[in-house]
């Protein structure tokens, strides 16, 4: 369970403290910084972010992986959180570094994470959401086999602006999972 390999050759591995510099670089852009509930603007913030991922994994409440290439440098993150074993549901999230965008890192990681969640955890439904103005994230969801389900109006607030979110889901028995 610690490491997963995508068919495209990316490795999903747990985060570790040596990744602090990569996490700090990933959260430097404003659009990334607002995606977390605590600042990741210095080494201590990056280490705290990593420690939280390690804590979630140990508690079985969340599973985050660094998606890395051949040089073991994190290119992005895929995560499964808010796992509900009663209803067999989990929430998927993902991000990539600026230099990795457009290289298929996120879809490869999300597809591999989904196979793991359906198999290893026995989940039936995976959900994710993105702002309706985030077309890149929508493409990742669709390329990862997540079907759009609808719009959640005014769900997110960044500063004084509210954003609608498009919800997507993938089920264990969807055709995309066969084969």
N, C-alpha and C. Protein backbone atom coordinates (compact mmCIF):
# COMPACT_ATOMS: atom_id res chain seq x y z
N UNK A 1 0.82 -1.20 0.00
CA UNK A 1 0.00 0.00 0.00
C UNK A 1 0.86 1.25 0.00
N UNK A 2 2.11 1.15 0.35
CA UNK A 2 2.91 2.36 0.45
C UNK A 2 3.22 2.99 -0.89
N UNK A 3 3.41 2.18 -1.92
CA UNK A 3 3.74 2.73 -3.23
C UNK A 3 2.87 2.09 -4.30
N UNK A 4 2.49 2.92 -5.27
CA UNK A 4 1.69 2.47 -6.41
C UNK A 4 2.36 3.00 -7.66
N UNK A 5 2.31 2.24 -8.74
CA UNK A 5 2.89 2.67 -10.00
C UNK A 5 1.79 2.83 -11.03
N UNK A 6 1.83 3.92 -11.78
CA UNK A 6 0.85 4.15 -12.83
C UNK A 6 1.32 3.45 -14.11
N UNK A 7 0.41 3.08 -14.99
CA UNK A 7 0.82 2.51 -16.28
C UNK A 7 1.73 3.45 -17.08
N UNK A 8 1.62 4.76 -16.81
CA UNK A 8 2.42 5.75 -17.52
C UNK A 8 3.84 5.88 -16.96
N UNK A 9 4.14 5.17 -15.87
CA UNK A 9 5.48 5.18 -15.31
C UNK A 9 5.71 6.12 -14.14
N UNK A 10 4.67 6.79 -13.65
CA UNK A 10 4.81 7.62 -12.46
C UNK A 10 4.69 6.74 -11.22
N UNK A 11 5.35 7.14 -10.17
CA UNK A 11 5.28 6.44 -8.89
C UNK A 11 4.48 7.28 -7.91
N UNK A 12 3.54 6.64 -7.22
CA UNK A 12 2.83 7.28 -6.12
C UNK A 12 3.45 6.73 -4.84
N UNK A 13 3.97 7.63 -4.03
CA UNK A 13 4.59 7.22 -2.77
C UNK A 13 4.17 8.17 -1.67
N UNK A 14 4.24 7.71 -0.41
CA UNK A 14 3.89 8.61 0.69
C UNK A 14 4.84 9.82 0.72
N UNK A 15 4.32 10.90 1.26
CA UNK A 15 5.12 12.10 1.45
C UNK A 15 6.10 11.88 2.58
N UNK A 16 7.29 12.49 2.50
CA UNK A 16 8.25 12.44 3.60
C UNK A 16 8.92 13.80 3.76
N UNK A 17 9.56 14.05 4.90
CA UNK A 17 10.12 15.38 5.19
C UNK A 17 11.09 15.90 4.14
N UNK A 18 11.77 15.02 3.44
CA UNK A 18 12.68 15.48 2.38
C UNK A 18 11.94 16.18 1.24
N UNK A 19 10.63 16.07 1.19
CA UNK A 19 9.83 16.72 0.15
C UNK A 19 9.45 18.16 0.50
N UNK A 20 9.89 18.67 1.63
CA UNK A 20 9.46 20.00 2.09
C UNK A 20 9.73 21.09 1.06
N UNK A 21 10.87 21.08 0.42
CA UNK A 21 11.18 22.13 -0.57
C UNK A 21 10.23 22.04 -1.76
N UNK A 22 9.92 20.84 -2.20
CA UNK A 22 8.99 20.66 -3.33
C UNK A 22 7.59 21.12 -2.95
N UNK A 23 7.16 20.82 -1.72
CA UNK A 23 5.84 21.25 -1.26
C UNK A 23 5.79 22.78 -1.19
N UNK A 24 6.83 23.38 -0.69
CA UNK A 24 6.90 24.84 -0.59
C UNK A 24 6.81 25.48 -1.98
N UNK A 25 7.52 24.94 -2.95
CA UNK A 25 7.44 25.45 -4.32
C UNK A 25 6.03 25.25 -4.90
N UNK A 26 5.42 24.10 -4.62
CA UNK A 26 4.09 23.81 -5.16
C UNK A 26 3.05 24.79 -4.62
N UNK A 27 3.17 25.19 -3.37
CA UNK A 27 2.17 26.07 -2.76
C UNK A 27 2.49 27.55 -2.91
N UNK A 28 3.56 27.88 -3.62
CA UNK A 28 3.93 29.29 -3.81
C UNK A 28 2.90 30.07 -4.63
N UNK A 29 2.35 29.52 -5.72
CA UNK A 29 1.36 30.29 -6.48
C UNK A 29 0.10 30.55 -5.65
N UNK A 30 -0.49 31.72 -5.84
CA UNK A 30 -1.66 32.12 -5.06
C UNK A 30 -2.81 31.12 -5.16
N UNK A 31 -3.04 30.58 -6.37
CA UNK A 31 -4.17 29.65 -6.52
C UNK A 31 -3.95 28.36 -5.73
N UNK A 32 -2.70 27.99 -5.47
CA UNK A 32 -2.42 26.81 -4.65
C UNK A 32 -2.51 27.15 -3.17
N UNK A 33 -1.98 28.30 -2.80
CA UNK A 33 -1.95 28.68 -1.39
C UNK A 33 -3.35 28.72 -0.79
N UNK A 34 -4.35 29.11 -1.57
CA UNK A 34 -5.71 29.20 -1.02
C UNK A 34 -6.40 27.84 -0.97
N UNK A 35 -5.73 26.77 -1.40
CA UNK A 35 -6.32 25.44 -1.39
C UNK A 35 -6.10 24.72 -0.05
N UNK A 36 -5.40 25.35 0.86
CA UNK A 36 -5.11 24.69 2.14
C UNK A 36 -5.61 25.55 3.29
N UNK A 37 -5.91 24.91 4.40
CA UNK A 37 -6.47 25.65 5.53
C UNK A 37 -5.40 26.26 6.43
N UNK A 38 -4.15 25.98 6.17
CA UNK A 38 -3.07 26.62 6.94
C UNK A 38 -1.98 27.03 5.98
N UNK A 39 -1.27 28.10 6.29
CA UNK A 39 -0.24 28.59 5.37
C UNK A 39 0.87 27.57 5.12
N UNK A 40 1.26 27.49 3.87
CA UNK A 40 2.42 26.69 3.49
C UNK A 40 3.36 27.67 2.78
N UNK A 41 3.90 28.59 3.58
CA UNK A 41 4.71 29.66 3.00
C UNK A 41 6.14 29.70 3.53
N UNK A 42 6.51 28.67 4.29
CA UNK A 42 7.89 28.53 4.74
C UNK A 42 8.15 27.05 5.01
N UNK A 43 9.40 26.73 5.32
CA UNK A 43 9.76 25.32 5.51
C UNK A 43 8.94 24.67 6.63
N UNK A 44 8.72 25.39 7.72
CA UNK A 44 7.92 24.83 8.82
C UNK A 44 6.49 24.53 8.36
N UNK A 45 5.91 25.42 7.55
CA UNK A 45 4.57 25.18 7.02
C UNK A 45 4.53 23.95 6.12
N UNK A 46 5.56 23.79 5.28
CA UNK A 46 5.64 22.62 4.40
C UNK A 46 5.79 21.34 5.22
N UNK A 47 6.63 21.39 6.25
CA UNK A 47 6.80 20.21 7.10
C UNK A 47 5.51 19.88 7.85
N UNK A 48 4.78 20.90 8.27
CA UNK A 48 3.49 20.67 8.96
C UNK A 48 2.49 20.04 7.99
N UNK A 49 2.48 20.50 6.73
CA UNK A 49 1.59 19.93 5.73
C UNK A 49 1.91 18.45 5.52
N UNK A 50 3.18 18.12 5.41
CA UNK A 50 3.60 16.73 5.24
C UNK A 50 3.24 15.91 6.47
N UNK A 51 3.49 16.45 7.66
CA UNK A 51 3.18 15.73 8.91
C UNK A 51 1.69 15.41 8.99
N UNK A 52 0.85 16.32 8.52
CA UNK A 52 -0.59 16.07 8.53
C UNK A 52 -0.95 14.93 7.58
N UNK A 53 -0.31 14.85 6.43
CA UNK A 53 -0.55 13.75 5.50
C UNK A 53 -0.13 12.41 6.12
N UNK A 54 1.00 12.41 6.82
CA UNK A 54 1.49 11.20 7.49
C UNK A 54 0.52 10.81 8.61
N UNK A 55 0.05 11.79 9.38
CA UNK A 55 -0.90 11.51 10.47
C UNK A 55 -2.19 10.91 9.93
N UNK A 56 -2.73 11.49 8.85
CA UNK A 56 -3.97 10.96 8.26
C UNK A 56 -3.79 9.51 7.82
N UNK A 57 -2.67 9.23 7.18
CA UNK A 57 -2.41 7.86 6.71
C UNK A 57 -2.36 6.91 7.90
N UNK A 58 -1.66 7.29 8.96
CA UNK A 58 -1.56 6.45 10.15
C UNK A 58 -2.90 6.20 10.81
N UNK A 59 -3.77 7.21 10.77
CA UNK A 59 -5.10 7.08 11.38
C UNK A 59 -6.10 6.41 10.45
N UNK A 60 -5.72 6.22 9.18
CA UNK A 60 -6.65 5.62 8.23
C UNK A 60 -7.76 6.56 7.80
N UNK A 61 -7.56 7.88 7.97
CA UNK A 61 -8.59 8.86 7.60
C UNK A 61 -8.30 9.54 6.27
N UNK A 62 -7.10 9.35 5.75
CA UNK A 62 -6.74 9.96 4.48
C UNK A 62 -5.48 9.32 3.93
N UNK A 63 -5.39 9.29 2.63
CA UNK A 63 -4.25 8.66 1.96
C UNK A 63 -3.77 9.61 0.87
N UNK A 64 -2.63 10.23 1.10
CA UNK A 64 -2.04 11.16 0.14
C UNK A 64 -0.74 10.59 -0.39
N UNK A 65 -0.55 10.76 -1.68
CA UNK A 65 0.69 10.30 -2.30
C UNK A 65 1.34 11.44 -3.06
N UNK A 66 2.65 11.48 -3.01
CA UNK A 66 3.41 12.32 -3.93
C UNK A 66 3.47 11.55 -5.24
N UNK A 67 3.18 12.22 -6.33
CA UNK A 67 3.33 11.61 -7.65
C UNK A 67 4.69 12.06 -8.15
N UNK A 68 5.58 11.09 -8.37
CA UNK A 68 6.97 11.43 -8.72
C UNK A 68 7.35 10.77 -10.04
N UNK A 69 8.35 11.38 -10.68
CA UNK A 69 8.92 10.84 -11.90
C UNK A 69 10.18 10.07 -11.59
N UNK A 70 11.01 9.90 -12.58
CA UNK A 70 12.23 9.10 -12.45
C UNK A 70 13.21 9.65 -11.41
N UNK A 71 13.23 10.96 -11.23
CA UNK A 71 14.20 11.56 -10.29
C UNK A 71 13.67 11.65 -8.86
N UNK A 72 12.49 11.08 -8.58
CA UNK A 72 11.85 11.07 -7.26
C UNK A 72 11.44 12.47 -6.79
N UNK A 73 11.43 13.44 -7.69
CA UNK A 73 10.97 14.80 -7.36
C UNK A 73 9.45 14.84 -7.47
N UNK A 74 8.74 15.30 -6.43
CA UNK A 74 7.29 15.37 -6.50
C UNK A 74 6.82 16.29 -7.63
N UNK A 75 5.95 15.74 -8.48
CA UNK A 75 5.34 16.48 -9.58
C UNK A 75 3.92 16.90 -9.22
N UNK A 76 3.37 16.27 -8.19
CA UNK A 76 2.02 16.57 -7.78
C UNK A 76 1.60 15.70 -6.62
N UNK A 77 0.32 15.76 -6.34
CA UNK A 77 -0.26 15.03 -5.20
C UNK A 77 -1.62 14.49 -5.62
N UNK A 78 -1.90 13.27 -5.23
CA UNK A 78 -3.25 12.72 -5.31
C UNK A 78 -3.62 12.24 -3.91
N UNK A 79 -4.87 12.45 -3.57
CA UNK A 79 -5.28 12.12 -2.20
C UNK A 79 -6.70 11.59 -2.16
N UNK A 80 -6.93 10.74 -1.19
CA UNK A 80 -8.26 10.21 -0.89
C UNK A 80 -8.51 10.53 0.57
N UNK A 81 -9.54 11.34 0.83
CA UNK A 81 -9.86 11.73 2.20
C UNK A 81 -11.36 11.57 2.42
N UNK A 82 -11.79 11.93 3.60
CA UNK A 82 -13.19 11.85 3.99
C UNK A 82 -13.73 10.47 3.61
N UNK A 83 -13.00 9.46 3.99
CA UNK A 83 -13.40 8.08 3.69
C UNK A 83 -14.53 7.69 4.63
N UNK A 84 -15.64 7.26 4.04
CA UNK A 84 -16.80 6.82 4.80
C UNK A 84 -16.98 5.33 4.54
N UNK A 85 -16.50 4.47 5.47
CA UNK A 85 -16.60 3.03 5.24
C UNK A 85 -18.03 2.49 5.27
N UNK A 86 -18.93 3.17 5.95
CA UNK A 86 -20.32 2.71 6.01
C UNK A 86 -20.96 2.79 4.62
N UNK A 87 -20.77 3.94 3.97
CA UNK A 87 -21.37 4.13 2.65
C UNK A 87 -20.39 3.83 1.52
N UNK A 88 -19.16 3.46 1.88
CA UNK A 88 -18.11 3.10 0.91
C UNK A 88 -17.82 4.23 -0.07
N UNK A 89 -17.61 5.44 0.50
CA UNK A 89 -17.40 6.65 -0.29
C UNK A 89 -16.09 7.31 0.13
N UNK A 90 -15.41 7.94 -0.82
CA UNK A 90 -14.22 8.72 -0.52
C UNK A 90 -14.17 9.96 -1.40
N UNK A 91 -13.44 10.97 -0.94
CA UNK A 91 -13.27 12.24 -1.65
C UNK A 91 -11.86 12.29 -2.24
N UNK A 92 -11.77 12.54 -3.53
CA UNK A 92 -10.50 12.58 -4.24
C UNK A 92 -10.09 14.03 -4.49
N UNK A 93 -8.82 14.31 -4.30
CA UNK A 93 -8.28 15.62 -4.65
C UNK A 93 -6.93 15.42 -5.31
N UNK A 94 -6.48 16.47 -6.00
CA UNK A 94 -5.22 16.37 -6.73
C UNK A 94 -4.70 17.77 -7.03
N UNK A 95 -3.40 17.84 -7.21
CA UNK A 95 -2.76 19.05 -7.72
C UNK A 95 -1.43 18.66 -8.35
N UNK A 96 -0.94 19.53 -9.20
CA UNK A 96 0.38 19.32 -9.79
C UNK A 96 1.19 20.60 -9.66
N UNK A 97 2.49 20.44 -9.72
CA UNK A 97 3.38 21.60 -9.71
C UNK A 97 3.23 22.31 -11.05
N UNK A 98 3.60 23.57 -11.09
CA UNK A 98 3.50 24.33 -12.34
C UNK A 98 4.28 23.66 -13.47
N UNK A 99 5.46 23.14 -13.17
CA UNK A 99 6.30 22.53 -14.22
C UNK A 99 5.74 21.21 -14.73
N UNK A 100 4.85 20.57 -13.96
CA UNK A 100 4.30 19.26 -14.36
C UNK A 100 2.97 19.37 -15.09
N UNK A 101 2.39 20.56 -15.11
CA UNK A 101 1.06 20.71 -15.71
C UNK A 101 1.09 20.38 -17.20
N UNK A 102 0.05 19.69 -17.66
CA UNK A 102 -0.07 19.33 -19.06
C UNK A 102 0.69 18.07 -19.45
N UNK A 103 1.28 17.39 -18.48
CA UNK A 103 2.08 16.19 -18.77
C UNK A 103 1.36 14.89 -18.42
N UNK A 104 0.09 14.97 -18.02
CA UNK A 104 -0.67 13.77 -17.70
C UNK A 104 -0.43 13.23 -16.30
N UNK A 105 0.23 14.01 -15.46
CA UNK A 105 0.56 13.56 -14.10
C UNK A 105 -0.70 13.34 -13.27
N UNK A 106 -1.58 14.34 -13.24
CA UNK A 106 -2.78 14.23 -12.39
C UNK A 106 -3.72 13.12 -12.85
N UNK A 107 -4.08 13.04 -14.14
CA UNK A 107 -4.97 11.93 -14.53
C UNK A 107 -4.37 10.55 -14.25
N UNK A 108 -3.08 10.39 -14.52
CA UNK A 108 -2.44 9.09 -14.25
C UNK A 108 -2.52 8.76 -12.76
N UNK A 109 -2.22 9.73 -11.92
CA UNK A 109 -2.27 9.52 -10.48
C UNK A 109 -3.68 9.24 -9.97
N UNK A 110 -4.65 9.99 -10.47
CA UNK A 110 -6.04 9.81 -10.02
C UNK A 110 -6.59 8.46 -10.46
N UNK A 111 -6.31 8.05 -11.69
CA UNK A 111 -6.78 6.73 -12.14
C UNK A 111 -6.19 5.61 -11.29
N UNK A 112 -4.90 5.72 -10.96
CA UNK A 112 -4.24 4.70 -10.13
C UNK A 112 -4.80 4.72 -8.71
N UNK A 113 -5.02 5.91 -8.17
CA UNK A 113 -5.62 6.05 -6.85
C UNK A 113 -7.02 5.42 -6.83
N UNK A 114 -7.81 5.65 -7.88
CA UNK A 114 -9.17 5.09 -7.94
C UNK A 114 -9.12 3.56 -7.93
N UNK A 115 -8.25 2.98 -8.74
CA UNK A 115 -8.14 1.51 -8.76
C UNK A 115 -7.78 0.98 -7.37
N UNK A 116 -6.86 1.66 -6.71
CA UNK A 116 -6.46 1.26 -5.36
C UNK A 116 -7.64 1.36 -4.39
N UNK A 117 -8.37 2.48 -4.44
CA UNK A 117 -9.48 2.71 -3.50
C UNK A 117 -10.59 1.68 -3.70
N UNK A 118 -10.90 1.35 -4.96
CA UNK A 118 -11.93 0.35 -5.21
C UNK A 118 -11.45 -1.04 -4.80
N UNK A 119 -10.19 -1.34 -5.01
CA UNK A 119 -9.66 -2.66 -4.69
C UNK A 119 -9.25 -2.81 -3.23
N UNK A 120 -8.28 -2.03 -2.81
CA UNK A 120 -7.71 -2.17 -1.46
C UNK A 120 -8.69 -1.78 -0.36
N UNK A 121 -9.39 -0.67 -0.54
CA UNK A 121 -10.32 -0.19 0.50
C UNK A 121 -11.74 -0.71 0.30
N UNK A 122 -12.03 -1.24 -0.87
CA UNK A 122 -13.38 -1.74 -1.13
C UNK A 122 -14.42 -0.64 -1.24
N UNK A 123 -14.01 0.57 -1.62
CA UNK A 123 -14.97 1.65 -1.76
C UNK A 123 -15.81 1.44 -3.02
N UNK A 124 -17.00 2.02 -3.02
CA UNK A 124 -17.89 1.91 -4.17
C UNK A 124 -17.97 3.22 -4.95
N UNK A 125 -17.89 4.35 -4.26
CA UNK A 125 -18.08 5.66 -4.89
C UNK A 125 -16.94 6.60 -4.51
N UNK A 126 -16.37 7.24 -5.52
CA UNK A 126 -15.37 8.28 -5.31
C UNK A 126 -15.92 9.58 -5.88
N UNK A 127 -15.77 10.66 -5.11
CA UNK A 127 -16.27 11.96 -5.53
C UNK A 127 -15.12 12.96 -5.60
N UNK A 128 -15.30 13.98 -6.42
CA UNK A 128 -14.39 15.12 -6.44
C UNK A 128 -15.16 16.32 -6.93
N UNK A 129 -14.61 17.50 -6.72
CA UNK A 129 -15.24 18.72 -7.18
C UNK A 129 -14.19 19.74 -7.58
N UNK A 130 -14.57 20.64 -8.48
CA UNK A 130 -13.67 21.71 -8.89
C UNK A 130 -14.50 22.96 -9.17
N UNK A 131 -13.87 24.13 -9.02
CA UNK A 131 -14.55 25.36 -9.37
C UNK A 131 -14.96 25.29 -10.85
N UNK A 132 -16.10 25.83 -11.18
CA UNK A 132 -16.57 25.76 -12.56
C UNK A 132 -15.66 26.54 -13.51
N UNK A 133 -14.87 27.46 -12.99
CA UNK A 133 -13.95 28.22 -13.85
C UNK A 133 -12.58 27.54 -13.97
N UNK A 134 -12.42 26.35 -13.41
CA UNK A 134 -11.15 25.63 -13.46
C UNK A 134 -11.26 24.52 -14.52
N UNK A 135 -11.09 24.90 -15.77
CA UNK A 135 -11.26 23.95 -16.87
C UNK A 135 -10.19 22.87 -16.86
N UNK A 136 -8.98 23.19 -16.40
CA UNK A 136 -7.91 22.18 -16.34
C UNK A 136 -8.28 21.07 -15.37
N UNK A 137 -8.84 21.43 -14.21
CA UNK A 137 -9.23 20.42 -13.24
C UNK A 137 -10.40 19.58 -13.77
N UNK A 138 -11.28 20.20 -14.53
CA UNK A 138 -12.39 19.46 -15.13
C UNK A 138 -11.85 18.42 -16.11
N UNK A 139 -10.86 18.80 -16.91
CA UNK A 139 -10.26 17.84 -17.85
C UNK A 139 -9.61 16.68 -17.11
N UNK A 140 -8.96 16.95 -15.99
CA UNK A 140 -8.36 15.86 -15.19
C UNK A 140 -9.46 14.92 -14.73
N UNK A 141 -10.54 15.46 -14.19
CA UNK A 141 -11.65 14.62 -13.71
C UNK A 141 -12.18 13.73 -14.83
N UNK A 142 -12.42 14.32 -15.98
CA UNK A 142 -12.97 13.55 -17.10
C UNK A 142 -11.98 12.52 -17.61
N UNK A 143 -10.71 12.89 -17.74
CA UNK A 143 -9.69 11.95 -18.21
C UNK A 143 -9.44 10.84 -17.20
N UNK A 144 -9.87 11.05 -15.96
CA UNK A 144 -9.69 10.05 -14.91
C UNK A 144 -10.92 9.17 -14.74
N UNK A 145 -11.91 9.35 -15.61
CA UNK A 145 -13.10 8.50 -15.57
C UNK A 145 -14.18 8.96 -14.63
N UNK A 146 -14.14 10.22 -14.18
CA UNK A 146 -15.15 10.75 -13.26
C UNK A 146 -16.21 11.49 -14.08
N UNK A 147 -17.45 11.05 -13.97
CA UNK A 147 -18.55 11.65 -14.71
C UNK A 147 -19.08 12.87 -13.97
N UNK A 148 -19.42 13.93 -14.70
CA UNK A 148 -20.02 15.11 -14.05
C UNK A 148 -21.42 14.77 -13.53
N UNK A 149 -21.74 15.33 -12.36
CA UNK A 149 -23.05 15.05 -11.77
C UNK A 149 -23.88 16.29 -11.52
N UNK A 150 -23.27 17.44 -11.48
CA UNK A 150 -24.06 18.65 -11.24
C UNK A 150 -23.25 19.76 -10.62
N UNK A 151 -23.91 20.89 -10.44
CA UNK A 151 -23.28 22.10 -9.92
C UNK A 151 -23.74 22.35 -8.49
N UNK A 152 -22.79 22.61 -7.63
CA UNK A 152 -23.08 23.03 -6.25
C UNK A 152 -22.85 24.54 -6.20
N UNK A 153 -23.94 25.29 -6.12
CA UNK A 153 -23.87 26.74 -6.22
C UNK A 153 -23.24 27.38 -4.99
N UNK A 154 -22.33 28.32 -5.24
CA UNK A 154 -21.75 29.11 -4.16
C UNK A 154 -21.04 28.31 -3.08
N UNK A 155 -20.49 27.16 -3.41
CA UNK A 155 -19.93 26.26 -2.40
C UNK A 155 -18.63 26.78 -1.78
N UNK A 156 -17.76 27.36 -2.59
CA UNK A 156 -16.45 27.80 -2.09
C UNK A 156 -16.39 29.32 -2.00
N UNK A 157 -15.63 29.81 -1.02
CA UNK A 157 -15.40 31.25 -0.88
C UNK A 157 -13.92 31.51 -0.73
N UNK A 158 -13.39 32.32 -1.62
CA UNK A 158 -12.01 32.78 -1.53
C UNK A 158 -12.06 34.29 -1.46
N UNK A 159 -11.67 34.85 -0.32
CA UNK A 159 -11.81 36.29 -0.11
C UNK A 159 -13.28 36.64 -0.07
N UNK A 160 -13.67 37.59 -0.89
CA UNK A 160 -15.07 38.03 -0.95
C UNK A 160 -15.84 37.39 -2.10
N UNK A 161 -15.24 36.45 -2.81
CA UNK A 161 -15.86 35.87 -4.00
C UNK A 161 -16.29 34.43 -3.72
N UNK A 162 -17.51 34.10 -4.10
CA UNK A 162 -18.02 32.74 -3.98
C UNK A 162 -17.96 32.08 -5.35
N UNK A 163 -17.68 30.77 -5.33
CA UNK A 163 -17.53 30.01 -6.57
C UNK A 163 -18.45 28.81 -6.58
N UNK A 164 -19.03 28.55 -7.75
CA UNK A 164 -19.79 27.32 -7.95
C UNK A 164 -18.80 26.18 -8.16
N UNK A 165 -19.20 24.98 -7.78
CA UNK A 165 -18.36 23.80 -7.91
C UNK A 165 -19.10 22.75 -8.71
N UNK A 166 -18.39 22.14 -9.66
CA UNK A 166 -18.96 21.02 -10.41
C UNK A 166 -18.53 19.74 -9.72
N UNK A 167 -19.50 18.90 -9.40
CA UNK A 167 -19.25 17.62 -8.74
C UNK A 167 -19.11 16.54 -9.80
N UNK A 168 -18.13 15.65 -9.61
CA UNK A 168 -17.93 14.48 -10.46
C UNK A 168 -17.87 13.25 -9.56
N UNK A 169 -18.16 12.09 -10.11
CA UNK A 169 -18.06 10.84 -9.35
C UNK A 169 -17.66 9.70 -10.27
N UNK A 170 -17.07 8.71 -9.66
CA UNK A 170 -16.71 7.46 -10.34
C UNK A 170 -17.14 6.33 -9.43
N UNK A 171 -17.83 5.36 -10.00
CA UNK A 171 -18.32 4.22 -9.23
C UNK A 171 -17.49 2.98 -9.54
N UNK A 172 -17.44 2.08 -8.58
CA UNK A 172 -16.64 0.86 -8.75
C UNK A 172 -17.11 0.03 -9.94
N UNK A 173 -18.40 0.10 -10.26
CA UNK A 173 -18.91 -0.71 -11.37
C UNK A 173 -19.10 0.10 -12.66
N UNK A 174 -18.51 1.29 -12.75
CA UNK A 174 -18.52 2.04 -14.01
C UNK A 174 -17.73 1.28 -15.07
N UNK A 175 -18.14 1.44 -16.31
CA UNK A 175 -17.45 0.77 -17.43
C UNK A 175 -15.96 1.09 -17.48
N UNK A 176 -15.57 2.29 -17.06
CA UNK A 176 -14.17 2.70 -17.11
C UNK A 176 -13.27 1.77 -16.27
N UNK A 177 -13.85 1.07 -15.31
CA UNK A 177 -13.08 0.21 -14.41
C UNK A 177 -12.92 -1.21 -14.95
N UNK A 178 -13.61 -1.54 -16.04
CA UNK A 178 -13.54 -2.89 -16.60
C UNK A 178 -12.32 -3.00 -17.48
N UNK A 179 -11.55 -4.06 -17.29
CA UNK A 179 -10.40 -4.32 -18.15
C UNK A 179 -9.08 -4.01 -17.55
